[in-house]
């Protein structure tokens, strides 16, 4: 400090460690990670409690992915997941998961046992529209209200742009509901 006298007060046990030429991330690593214990979940309670043996193979695969025991492609270093069942098209996976949806769409327990996961909301919306079209009965379309409170804001936020947005957790601008289909209210 160049010969300057200064008084430090406080609990020195709460003083952050000094990392010479370190960044904030280095300081956080010095503070936090020595006190953190890494725990791994290894037991699937659904399989253990309910005896769902068909889910045990899926559970083992998830654990292998989490423990980095999957095969690695030698050319690109891309991880390749083991897969027993391959599908060639989106229609094939829809038919495998929702086989004869026209007969079973009233059965809630049948629907609760089925799901198709997709990495993007656009793919989910497309799948949802195609599956809703297979359900017999009439569909109704509901659109959001297109008004702007301040007319000078219309230049900055065109209605067409706002209607094209589909943030997660918010219904789309054009909501199509099918009679007899399940909906989830959040």
N, C-alpha and C. Protein backbone atom coordinates (compact mmCIF):
# COMPACT_ATOMS: atom_id res chain seq x y z
N UNK A 1 0.83 -1.21 0.00
CA UNK A 1 0.00 0.00 0.00
C UNK A 1 0.86 1.26 0.00
N UNK A 2 2.15 1.11 -0.18
CA UNK A 2 3.02 2.29 -0.29
C UNK A 2 3.19 3.03 1.01
N UNK A 3 3.14 2.33 2.13
CA UNK A 3 3.37 2.96 3.42
C UNK A 3 2.12 3.59 4.01
N UNK A 4 0.97 3.43 3.37
CA UNK A 4 -0.26 4.01 3.88
C UNK A 4 -0.83 3.05 4.92
N UNK A 5 -1.22 3.58 6.04
CA UNK A 5 -1.81 2.77 7.11
C UNK A 5 -3.31 2.74 6.91
N UNK A 6 -3.89 1.57 6.98
CA UNK A 6 -5.34 1.48 6.88
C UNK A 6 -5.83 0.41 7.87
N UNK A 7 -7.06 0.53 8.27
CA UNK A 7 -7.64 -0.38 9.24
C UNK A 7 -8.65 -1.27 8.52
N UNK A 8 -8.51 -2.57 8.72
CA UNK A 8 -9.47 -3.51 8.15
C UNK A 8 -10.33 -4.03 9.29
N UNK A 9 -11.61 -4.10 9.05
CA UNK A 9 -12.51 -4.60 10.07
C UNK A 9 -13.39 -5.67 9.46
N UNK A 10 -13.96 -6.48 10.29
CA UNK A 10 -14.87 -7.51 9.80
C UNK A 10 -14.35 -8.89 10.14
N UNK A 11 -15.10 -9.87 9.74
CA UNK A 11 -14.77 -11.27 10.00
C UNK A 11 -13.86 -11.76 8.88
N UNK A 12 -12.62 -12.09 9.19
CA UNK A 12 -11.68 -12.51 8.16
C UNK A 12 -12.01 -13.89 7.59
N UNK A 13 -12.89 -14.64 8.25
CA UNK A 13 -13.32 -15.92 7.70
C UNK A 13 -14.24 -15.72 6.50
N UNK A 14 -14.81 -14.53 6.38
CA UNK A 14 -15.70 -14.26 5.26
C UNK A 14 -15.01 -13.47 4.15
N UNK A 15 -13.74 -13.24 4.28
CA UNK A 15 -13.00 -12.52 3.25
C UNK A 15 -12.73 -13.45 2.08
N UNK A 16 -12.94 -12.95 0.88
CA UNK A 16 -12.72 -13.77 -0.30
C UNK A 16 -11.23 -14.00 -0.52
N UNK A 17 -10.86 -15.16 -1.01
CA UNK A 17 -9.45 -15.41 -1.30
C UNK A 17 -8.97 -14.56 -2.47
N UNK A 18 -7.72 -14.22 -2.46
CA UNK A 18 -7.12 -13.42 -3.53
C UNK A 18 -6.46 -14.37 -4.52
N UNK A 19 -6.84 -14.24 -5.78
CA UNK A 19 -6.24 -15.04 -6.84
C UNK A 19 -5.44 -14.06 -7.70
N UNK A 20 -4.10 -14.14 -7.65
CA UNK A 20 -3.30 -13.19 -8.42
C UNK A 20 -3.62 -13.29 -9.92
N UNK A 21 -3.89 -12.14 -10.51
CA UNK A 21 -4.22 -12.01 -11.93
C UNK A 21 -5.39 -12.92 -12.33
N UNK A 22 -6.31 -13.13 -11.41
CA UNK A 22 -7.46 -14.00 -11.68
C UNK A 22 -8.68 -13.20 -12.05
N UNK A 23 -9.58 -13.85 -12.72
CA UNK A 23 -10.85 -13.23 -13.08
C UNK A 23 -11.87 -13.49 -11.98
N UNK A 24 -13.06 -12.95 -12.14
CA UNK A 24 -14.11 -13.21 -11.16
C UNK A 24 -14.46 -14.68 -11.11
N UNK A 25 -14.41 -15.34 -12.27
CA UNK A 25 -14.69 -16.78 -12.31
C UNK A 25 -13.64 -17.56 -11.52
N UNK A 26 -12.36 -17.14 -11.59
CA UNK A 26 -11.31 -17.80 -10.81
C UNK A 26 -11.55 -17.63 -9.31
N UNK A 27 -11.99 -16.44 -8.91
CA UNK A 27 -12.28 -16.20 -7.50
C UNK A 27 -13.45 -17.06 -7.03
N UNK A 28 -14.49 -17.16 -7.87
CA UNK A 28 -15.63 -18.01 -7.50
C UNK A 28 -15.21 -19.47 -7.39
N UNK A 29 -14.36 -19.92 -8.30
CA UNK A 29 -13.88 -21.30 -8.21
C UNK A 29 -13.11 -21.53 -6.92
N UNK A 30 -12.31 -20.53 -6.50
CA UNK A 30 -11.54 -20.67 -5.27
C UNK A 30 -12.45 -20.67 -4.04
N UNK A 31 -13.58 -19.98 -4.11
CA UNK A 31 -14.48 -19.89 -2.96
C UNK A 31 -15.42 -21.08 -2.90
N UNK A 32 -16.12 -21.33 -3.98
CA UNK A 32 -17.28 -22.23 -3.95
C UNK A 32 -16.90 -23.69 -4.11
N UNK A 33 -16.12 -24.03 -5.11
CA UNK A 33 -16.02 -25.43 -5.53
C UNK A 33 -15.31 -26.32 -4.52
N UNK A 34 -14.57 -25.77 -3.59
CA UNK A 34 -13.95 -26.66 -2.59
C UNK A 34 -14.97 -27.12 -1.56
N UNK A 35 -16.12 -26.46 -1.49
CA UNK A 35 -17.15 -26.84 -0.53
C UNK A 35 -18.30 -27.62 -1.16
N UNK A 36 -18.24 -27.84 -2.46
CA UNK A 36 -19.33 -28.50 -3.17
C UNK A 36 -19.03 -29.99 -3.30
N UNK A 37 -20.03 -30.79 -2.96
CA UNK A 37 -19.92 -32.24 -3.14
C UNK A 37 -20.84 -32.63 -4.28
N UNK A 38 -20.31 -33.35 -5.23
CA UNK A 38 -21.09 -33.75 -6.40
C UNK A 38 -21.82 -35.05 -6.07
N UNK A 39 -23.15 -35.00 -6.20
CA UNK A 39 -23.99 -36.16 -5.96
C UNK A 39 -24.56 -36.63 -7.29
N UNK A 40 -24.66 -37.92 -7.48
CA UNK A 40 -25.21 -38.47 -8.72
C UNK A 40 -26.45 -39.30 -8.38
N UNK A 41 -27.51 -39.07 -9.14
CA UNK A 41 -28.73 -39.86 -8.99
C UNK A 41 -28.59 -41.11 -9.86
N UNK A 42 -28.73 -42.26 -9.25
CA UNK A 42 -28.52 -43.51 -9.97
C UNK A 42 -29.73 -44.44 -9.92
N UNK A 43 -30.75 -44.10 -9.16
CA UNK A 43 -31.90 -44.98 -9.02
C UNK A 43 -33.14 -44.29 -9.57
N UNK A 44 -33.80 -44.93 -10.52
CA UNK A 44 -35.05 -44.42 -11.06
C UNK A 44 -36.16 -44.93 -10.15
N UNK A 45 -36.79 -44.02 -9.43
CA UNK A 45 -37.81 -44.41 -8.44
C UNK A 45 -39.04 -45.02 -9.10
N UNK A 46 -39.40 -44.58 -10.29
CA UNK A 46 -40.56 -45.15 -10.97
C UNK A 46 -40.33 -46.63 -11.27
N UNK A 47 -39.13 -46.95 -11.73
CA UNK A 47 -38.82 -48.35 -12.04
C UNK A 47 -38.77 -49.16 -10.75
N UNK A 48 -38.14 -48.59 -9.72
CA UNK A 48 -37.96 -49.31 -8.46
C UNK A 48 -39.28 -49.54 -7.73
N UNK A 49 -40.13 -48.52 -7.63
CA UNK A 49 -41.36 -48.62 -6.85
C UNK A 49 -42.49 -49.31 -7.60
N UNK A 50 -42.61 -49.05 -8.91
CA UNK A 50 -43.73 -49.58 -9.67
C UNK A 50 -43.38 -50.81 -10.48
N UNK A 51 -42.10 -51.15 -10.53
CA UNK A 51 -41.70 -52.34 -11.26
C UNK A 51 -41.89 -52.24 -12.76
N UNK A 52 -41.72 -51.04 -13.32
CA UNK A 52 -41.86 -50.86 -14.76
C UNK A 52 -40.58 -51.34 -15.44
N UNK A 53 -40.56 -52.60 -15.83
CA UNK A 53 -39.36 -53.18 -16.41
C UNK A 53 -39.06 -52.64 -17.80
N UNK A 54 -40.11 -52.20 -18.52
CA UNK A 54 -39.87 -51.64 -19.85
C UNK A 54 -39.12 -50.32 -19.77
N UNK A 55 -39.27 -49.63 -18.64
CA UNK A 55 -38.59 -48.35 -18.47
C UNK A 55 -37.16 -48.52 -17.97
N UNK A 56 -36.80 -49.71 -17.51
CA UNK A 56 -35.46 -49.88 -16.96
C UNK A 56 -34.38 -49.77 -18.03
N UNK A 57 -34.64 -50.25 -19.25
CA UNK A 57 -33.65 -50.11 -20.33
C UNK A 57 -33.45 -48.64 -20.67
N UNK A 58 -34.54 -47.88 -20.69
CA UNK A 58 -34.44 -46.44 -20.96
C UNK A 58 -33.65 -45.75 -19.85
N UNK A 59 -33.88 -46.18 -18.60
CA UNK A 59 -33.16 -45.61 -17.47
C UNK A 59 -31.66 -45.88 -17.58
N UNK A 60 -31.32 -47.08 -17.96
CA UNK A 60 -29.90 -47.42 -18.13
C UNK A 60 -29.25 -46.57 -19.21
N UNK A 61 -29.96 -46.31 -20.28
CA UNK A 61 -29.42 -45.46 -21.35
C UNK A 61 -29.20 -44.04 -20.86
N UNK A 62 -30.16 -43.51 -20.10
CA UNK A 62 -29.99 -42.17 -19.56
C UNK A 62 -28.78 -42.08 -18.65
N UNK A 63 -28.57 -43.11 -17.82
CA UNK A 63 -27.40 -43.11 -16.95
C UNK A 63 -26.11 -43.20 -17.75
N UNK A 64 -26.11 -43.99 -18.81
CA UNK A 64 -24.92 -44.09 -19.66
C UNK A 64 -24.60 -42.75 -20.32
N UNK A 65 -25.63 -42.03 -20.74
CA UNK A 65 -25.41 -40.71 -21.35
C UNK A 65 -24.86 -39.75 -20.31
N UNK A 66 -25.44 -39.77 -19.10
CA UNK A 66 -24.98 -38.88 -18.03
C UNK A 66 -23.57 -39.18 -17.57
N UNK A 67 -23.17 -40.44 -17.60
CA UNK A 67 -21.82 -40.83 -17.17
C UNK A 67 -20.84 -40.85 -18.34
N UNK A 68 -21.26 -40.36 -19.50
CA UNK A 68 -20.41 -40.24 -20.69
C UNK A 68 -19.87 -41.59 -21.14
N UNK A 69 -20.75 -42.60 -21.15
CA UNK A 69 -20.38 -43.93 -21.60
C UNK A 69 -20.94 -44.24 -22.99
N UNK A 70 -21.26 -43.21 -23.76
CA UNK A 70 -21.80 -43.42 -25.10
C UNK A 70 -20.67 -43.54 -26.10
N UNK A 71 -20.96 -44.15 -27.23
CA UNK A 71 -19.96 -44.31 -28.28
C UNK A 71 -19.59 -42.95 -28.87
N UNK A 72 -18.34 -42.80 -29.27
CA UNK A 72 -17.89 -41.55 -29.88
C UNK A 72 -17.42 -41.84 -31.30
N UNK A 73 -17.94 -41.09 -32.26
CA UNK A 73 -17.52 -41.23 -33.64
C UNK A 73 -16.08 -40.74 -33.76
N UNK A 74 -15.21 -41.57 -34.32
CA UNK A 74 -13.78 -41.25 -34.36
C UNK A 74 -13.46 -40.11 -35.33
N UNK A 75 -14.29 -39.87 -36.34
CA UNK A 75 -13.96 -38.85 -37.33
C UNK A 75 -14.23 -37.44 -36.81
N UNK A 76 -15.41 -37.22 -36.27
CA UNK A 76 -15.81 -35.87 -35.90
C UNK A 76 -15.80 -35.62 -34.40
N UNK A 77 -15.69 -36.67 -33.59
CA UNK A 77 -15.81 -36.50 -32.15
C UNK A 77 -17.24 -36.29 -31.72
N UNK A 78 -18.20 -36.64 -32.57
CA UNK A 78 -19.62 -36.48 -32.27
C UNK A 78 -20.08 -37.70 -31.49
N UNK A 79 -20.86 -37.46 -30.44
CA UNK A 79 -21.36 -38.57 -29.64
C UNK A 79 -22.54 -39.22 -30.35
N UNK A 80 -22.49 -40.52 -30.44
CA UNK A 80 -23.52 -41.29 -31.12
C UNK A 80 -24.29 -42.06 -30.06
N UNK A 81 -25.59 -41.83 -29.97
CA UNK A 81 -26.41 -42.51 -28.98
C UNK A 81 -26.84 -43.87 -29.51
N UNK A 82 -26.78 -44.89 -28.67
CA UNK A 82 -27.24 -46.20 -29.12
C UNK A 82 -28.76 -46.19 -29.30
N UNK A 83 -29.21 -46.78 -30.39
CA UNK A 83 -30.63 -46.77 -30.70
C UNK A 83 -31.03 -48.09 -31.31
N UNK A 84 -32.04 -48.74 -30.71
CA UNK A 84 -32.53 -50.00 -31.25
C UNK A 84 -33.54 -49.77 -32.36
N UNK A 85 -34.28 -48.69 -32.26
CA UNK A 85 -35.36 -48.45 -33.20
C UNK A 85 -35.09 -47.16 -33.95
N UNK A 86 -35.00 -47.26 -35.24
CA UNK A 86 -34.80 -46.08 -36.07
C UNK A 86 -36.06 -45.87 -36.91
N UNK A 87 -36.40 -44.62 -37.13
CA UNK A 87 -37.53 -44.30 -37.99
C UNK A 87 -37.00 -43.48 -39.15
N UNK A 88 -37.66 -43.62 -40.27
CA UNK A 88 -37.18 -42.93 -41.46
C UNK A 88 -37.92 -41.62 -41.72
N UNK A 89 -39.08 -41.43 -41.08
CA UNK A 89 -39.82 -40.19 -41.33
C UNK A 89 -40.60 -39.79 -40.09
N UNK A 90 -41.07 -38.55 -40.13
CA UNK A 90 -41.88 -38.03 -39.04
C UNK A 90 -43.23 -38.73 -38.97
N UNK A 91 -43.78 -39.10 -40.12
CA UNK A 91 -45.06 -39.82 -40.14
C UNK A 91 -44.93 -41.18 -39.47
N UNK A 92 -43.79 -41.83 -39.64
CA UNK A 92 -43.60 -43.14 -39.04
C UNK A 92 -43.56 -43.05 -37.51
N UNK A 93 -42.90 -42.04 -36.97
CA UNK A 93 -42.86 -41.90 -35.51
C UNK A 93 -44.23 -41.52 -34.97
N UNK A 94 -44.98 -40.69 -35.71
CA UNK A 94 -46.35 -40.36 -35.27
C UNK A 94 -47.21 -41.60 -35.23
N UNK A 95 -47.07 -42.46 -36.25
CA UNK A 95 -47.88 -43.67 -36.30
C UNK A 95 -47.48 -44.67 -35.22
N UNK A 96 -46.21 -44.70 -34.85
CA UNK A 96 -45.78 -45.62 -33.79
C UNK A 96 -46.23 -45.16 -32.41
N UNK A 97 -46.13 -43.86 -32.15
CA UNK A 97 -46.47 -43.35 -30.83
C UNK A 97 -47.98 -43.20 -30.67
N UNK A 98 -48.64 -42.62 -31.66
CA UNK A 98 -50.08 -42.36 -31.58
C UNK A 98 -50.83 -43.25 -32.58
N UNK A 99 -50.60 -44.54 -32.49
CA UNK A 99 -51.27 -45.50 -33.37
C UNK A 99 -52.78 -45.47 -33.10
N UNK A 100 -53.56 -45.33 -34.11
CA UNK A 100 -55.03 -45.25 -34.06
C UNK A 100 -55.52 -44.22 -33.05
N UNK A 101 -55.04 -42.99 -33.22
CA UNK A 101 -55.46 -41.90 -32.33
C UNK A 101 -56.94 -41.59 -32.50
N UNK A 102 -57.50 -41.90 -33.67
CA UNK A 102 -58.92 -41.61 -33.91
C UNK A 102 -59.82 -42.45 -33.01
N UNK A 103 -59.34 -43.60 -32.53
CA UNK A 103 -60.15 -44.45 -31.65
C UNK A 103 -59.86 -44.22 -30.17
N UNK A 104 -58.65 -43.71 -29.85
CA UNK A 104 -58.23 -43.64 -28.45
C UNK A 104 -58.13 -42.22 -27.89
N UNK A 105 -58.50 -41.22 -28.65
CA UNK A 105 -58.27 -39.86 -28.17
C UNK A 105 -59.14 -39.49 -26.97
N UNK A 106 -60.21 -40.24 -26.69
CA UNK A 106 -61.03 -39.97 -25.50
C UNK A 106 -60.43 -40.59 -24.25
N UNK A 107 -59.55 -41.55 -24.39
CA UNK A 107 -58.97 -42.26 -23.24
C UNK A 107 -57.78 -41.48 -22.70
N UNK A 108 -57.96 -40.83 -21.55
CA UNK A 108 -56.91 -40.00 -20.98
C UNK A 108 -55.70 -40.81 -20.56
N UNK A 109 -55.90 -42.01 -20.03
CA UNK A 109 -54.76 -42.82 -19.61
C UNK A 109 -53.92 -43.25 -20.81
N UNK A 110 -54.56 -43.51 -21.94
CA UNK A 110 -53.83 -43.87 -23.16
C UNK A 110 -52.98 -42.69 -23.63
N UNK A 111 -53.57 -41.48 -23.59
CA UNK A 111 -52.84 -40.29 -24.02
C UNK A 111 -51.71 -39.94 -23.06
N UNK A 112 -51.90 -40.19 -21.77
CA UNK A 112 -50.86 -39.86 -20.79
C UNK A 112 -49.62 -40.73 -20.93
N UNK A 113 -49.75 -41.87 -21.57
CA UNK A 113 -48.61 -42.78 -21.74
C UNK A 113 -47.80 -42.45 -22.99
N UNK A 114 -48.17 -41.42 -23.74
CA UNK A 114 -47.52 -41.13 -25.00
C UNK A 114 -47.02 -39.69 -25.06
N UNK A 115 -45.85 -39.54 -25.65
CA UNK A 115 -45.28 -38.20 -25.85
C UNK A 115 -44.21 -38.29 -26.93
N UNK A 116 -44.09 -37.22 -27.68
CA UNK A 116 -43.00 -37.08 -28.64
C UNK A 116 -42.24 -35.82 -28.24
N UNK A 117 -40.97 -35.96 -27.96
CA UNK A 117 -40.14 -34.83 -27.58
C UNK A 117 -39.42 -34.30 -28.81
N UNK A 118 -39.33 -33.00 -28.89
CA UNK A 118 -38.64 -32.37 -30.03
C UNK A 118 -37.76 -31.26 -29.50
N UNK A 119 -36.65 -30.98 -30.17
CA UNK A 119 -35.73 -29.96 -29.65
C UNK A 119 -36.22 -28.53 -29.82
N UNK A 120 -37.14 -28.27 -30.73
CA UNK A 120 -37.60 -26.90 -30.96
C UNK A 120 -39.11 -26.82 -30.91
N UNK A 121 -39.61 -25.66 -30.49
CA UNK A 121 -41.05 -25.45 -30.39
C UNK A 121 -41.73 -25.51 -31.75
N UNK A 122 -41.04 -25.12 -32.82
CA UNK A 122 -41.64 -25.17 -34.16
C UNK A 122 -42.00 -26.60 -34.54
N UNK A 123 -41.12 -27.54 -34.23
CA UNK A 123 -41.40 -28.94 -34.53
C UNK A 123 -42.57 -29.46 -33.70
N UNK A 124 -42.65 -29.03 -32.44
CA UNK A 124 -43.76 -29.45 -31.58
C UNK A 124 -45.07 -28.90 -32.10
N UNK A 125 -45.08 -27.64 -32.51
CA UNK A 125 -46.31 -27.03 -33.04
C UNK A 125 -46.77 -27.73 -34.32
N UNK A 126 -45.83 -28.08 -35.18
CA UNK A 126 -46.17 -28.77 -36.43
C UNK A 126 -46.76 -30.16 -36.13
N UNK A 127 -46.12 -30.89 -35.22
CA UNK A 127 -46.63 -32.20 -34.83
C UNK A 127 -48.02 -32.09 -34.21
N UNK A 128 -48.19 -31.11 -33.36
CA UNK A 128 -49.47 -30.91 -32.69
C UNK A 128 -50.58 -30.63 -33.69
N UNK A 129 -50.31 -29.79 -34.68
CA UNK A 129 -51.32 -29.49 -35.71
C UNK A 129 -51.69 -30.73 -36.51
N UNK A 130 -50.68 -31.52 -36.88
CA UNK A 130 -50.95 -32.72 -37.67
C UNK A 130 -51.73 -33.76 -36.88
N UNK A 131 -51.43 -33.91 -35.60
CA UNK A 131 -52.17 -34.88 -34.78
C UNK A 131 -53.59 -34.40 -34.49
N UNK A 132 -53.78 -33.10 -34.33
CA UNK A 132 -55.12 -32.58 -34.10
C UNK A 132 -56.01 -32.76 -35.32
N UNK A 133 -55.43 -32.73 -36.52
CA UNK A 133 -56.21 -32.92 -37.74
C UNK A 133 -56.72 -34.36 -37.87
N UNK A 134 -56.06 -35.30 -37.20
CA UNK A 134 -56.49 -36.70 -37.26
C UNK A 134 -57.67 -36.99 -36.35
N UNK A 135 -57.93 -36.12 -35.38
CA UNK A 135 -59.04 -36.34 -34.45
C UNK A 135 -60.34 -35.97 -35.15
N UNK A 136 -61.33 -36.88 -35.11
CA UNK A 136 -62.60 -36.57 -35.78
C UNK A 136 -63.36 -35.46 -35.06
N UNK A 137 -64.16 -34.75 -35.79
CA UNK A 137 -64.94 -33.66 -35.22
C UNK A 137 -64.48 -32.34 -35.79
N UNK A 138 -65.19 -31.31 -35.44
CA UNK A 138 -64.86 -29.99 -35.97
C UNK A 138 -63.87 -29.27 -35.08
N UNK A 139 -63.05 -28.47 -35.71
CA UNK A 139 -62.10 -27.66 -34.96
C UNK A 139 -62.54 -26.20 -35.00
N UNK A 140 -62.13 -25.47 -33.97
CA UNK A 140 -62.43 -24.04 -33.92
C UNK A 140 -61.14 -23.28 -33.77
N UNK A 141 -61.09 -22.14 -34.41
CA UNK A 141 -59.89 -21.32 -34.38
C UNK A 141 -60.19 -20.03 -33.61
N UNK A 142 -59.30 -19.71 -32.67
CA UNK A 142 -59.43 -18.50 -31.88
C UNK A 142 -58.18 -17.65 -32.09
N UNK A 143 -58.38 -16.37 -32.43
CA UNK A 143 -57.24 -15.48 -32.65
C UNK A 143 -57.15 -14.46 -31.53
N UNK A 144 -55.93 -13.98 -31.32
CA UNK A 144 -55.72 -12.97 -30.29
C UNK A 144 -56.24 -11.61 -30.77
N UNK A 145 -56.38 -10.69 -29.85
CA UNK A 145 -56.88 -9.35 -30.19
C UNK A 145 -55.74 -8.53 -30.74
N UNK A 146 -55.97 -7.88 -31.87
CA UNK A 146 -54.94 -7.10 -32.54
C UNK A 146 -55.22 -5.61 -32.34
N UNK A 147 -54.83 -5.07 -31.20
CA UNK A 147 -54.96 -3.63 -30.97
C UNK A 147 -53.69 -3.11 -30.33
N UNK A 148 -53.40 -1.87 -30.61
CA UNK A 148 -52.26 -1.19 -30.01
C UNK A 148 -52.80 0.00 -29.25
N UNK A 149 -52.36 0.14 -28.01
CA UNK A 149 -52.89 1.22 -27.18
C UNK A 149 -52.44 2.59 -27.67
N UNK A 150 -51.19 2.70 -28.06
CA UNK A 150 -50.67 3.97 -28.55
C UNK A 150 -50.38 3.83 -30.05
N UNK A 151 -51.04 4.63 -30.85
CA UNK A 151 -50.93 4.49 -32.31
C UNK A 151 -49.52 4.77 -32.83
N UNK A 152 -48.73 5.60 -32.14
CA UNK A 152 -47.37 5.86 -32.62
C UNK A 152 -46.45 4.66 -32.41
N UNK A 153 -46.83 3.71 -31.58
CA UNK A 153 -46.03 2.50 -31.37
C UNK A 153 -46.22 1.48 -32.49
N UNK A 154 -47.23 1.66 -33.33
CA UNK A 154 -47.49 0.72 -34.42
C UNK A 154 -46.34 0.66 -35.42
N UNK A 155 -45.59 1.74 -35.53
CA UNK A 155 -44.45 1.76 -36.45
C UNK A 155 -43.34 0.86 -35.93
N UNK A 156 -43.14 0.84 -34.61
CA UNK A 156 -42.06 0.06 -34.01
C UNK A 156 -42.41 -1.42 -33.86
N UNK A 157 -43.68 -1.70 -33.63
CA UNK A 157 -44.12 -3.08 -33.41
C UNK A 157 -45.28 -3.41 -34.35
N UNK A 158 -45.01 -3.78 -35.59
CA UNK A 158 -46.11 -4.12 -36.51
C UNK A 158 -46.88 -5.34 -36.00
N UNK A 159 -48.17 -5.32 -36.23
CA UNK A 159 -49.03 -6.40 -35.74
C UNK A 159 -48.64 -7.74 -36.35
N UNK A 160 -48.22 -7.74 -37.60
CA UNK A 160 -47.82 -9.00 -38.24
C UNK A 160 -46.62 -9.62 -37.53
N UNK A 161 -45.68 -8.78 -37.10
CA UNK A 161 -44.51 -9.27 -36.38
C UNK A 161 -44.91 -9.82 -35.01
N UNK A 162 -45.74 -9.10 -34.30
CA UNK A 162 -46.17 -9.55 -32.97
C UNK A 162 -46.94 -10.85 -33.07
N UNK A 163 -47.79 -10.99 -34.09
CA UNK A 163 -48.56 -12.23 -34.26
C UNK A 163 -47.69 -13.41 -34.65
N UNK A 164 -46.52 -13.15 -35.23
CA UNK A 164 -45.64 -14.25 -35.62
C UNK A 164 -44.84 -14.79 -34.45
N UNK A 165 -44.74 -14.05 -33.35
CA UNK A 165 -43.98 -14.50 -32.19
C UNK A 165 -44.73 -15.62 -31.46
N UNK A 166 -43.99 -16.61 -31.01
CA UNK A 166 -44.59 -17.70 -30.23
C UNK A 166 -43.70 -18.00 -29.03
N UNK A 167 -43.71 -17.12 -28.02
CA UNK A 167 -42.88 -17.38 -26.85
C UNK A 167 -43.41 -18.59 -26.08
N UNK A 168 -42.53 -19.34 -25.41
CA UNK A 168 -42.99 -20.51 -24.67
C UNK A 168 -43.91 -20.10 -23.53
N UNK A 169 -44.94 -20.89 -23.31
CA UNK A 169 -45.88 -20.63 -22.23
C UNK A 169 -46.99 -19.67 -22.59
N UNK A 170 -46.98 -19.14 -23.81
CA UNK A 170 -48.01 -18.20 -24.26
C UNK A 170 -48.71 -18.84 -25.44
N UNK A 171 -50.05 -18.82 -25.47
CA UNK A 171 -50.76 -19.40 -26.62
C UNK A 171 -50.40 -18.67 -27.91
N UNK A 172 -50.45 -19.37 -29.04
CA UNK A 172 -50.13 -18.71 -30.32
C UNK A 172 -51.22 -17.72 -30.70
N UNK A 173 -50.92 -16.89 -31.69
CA UNK A 173 -51.89 -15.91 -32.18
C UNK A 173 -53.15 -16.61 -32.70
N UNK A 174 -52.97 -17.69 -33.44
CA UNK A 174 -54.10 -18.45 -33.96
C UNK A 174 -54.14 -19.80 -33.23
N UNK A 175 -55.01 -19.89 -32.24
CA UNK A 175 -55.13 -21.09 -31.42
C UNK A 175 -56.24 -21.97 -31.98
N UNK A 176 -55.88 -23.19 -32.40
CA UNK A 176 -56.83 -24.13 -32.98
C UNK A 176 -57.14 -25.19 -31.93
N UNK A 177 -58.42 -25.33 -31.58
CA UNK A 177 -58.86 -26.33 -30.61
C UNK A 177 -59.77 -27.32 -31.31
N UNK A 178 -59.58 -28.57 -30.97
CA UNK A 178 -60.35 -29.66 -31.56
C UNK A 178 -61.28 -30.22 -30.50
N UNK A 179 -62.52 -30.50 -30.85
CA UNK A 179 -63.47 -31.04 -29.90
C UNK A 179 -63.02 -32.45 -29.51
N UNK A 180 -62.89 -32.68 -28.21
CA UNK A 180 -62.47 -33.97 -27.70
C UNK A 180 -60.99 -34.07 -27.41
N UNK A 181 -60.19 -33.11 -27.87
CA UNK A 181 -58.75 -33.14 -27.62
C UNK A 181 -58.46 -32.57 -26.24
N UNK A 182 -57.42 -33.09 -25.60
CA UNK A 182 -57.02 -32.58 -24.31
C UNK A 182 -56.23 -31.30 -24.50
N UNK A 183 -56.44 -30.35 -23.59
CA UNK A 183 -55.64 -29.14 -23.58
C UNK A 183 -55.06 -28.98 -22.19
N UNK A 184 -53.97 -28.29 -22.11
CA UNK A 184 -53.32 -28.07 -20.84
C UNK A 184 -53.33 -26.58 -20.55
N UNK A 185 -53.92 -26.19 -19.44
CA UNK A 185 -53.98 -24.79 -19.05
C UNK A 185 -52.86 -24.52 -18.06
N UNK A 186 -52.13 -23.45 -18.30
CA UNK A 186 -51.02 -23.11 -17.41
C UNK A 186 -51.36 -21.81 -16.72
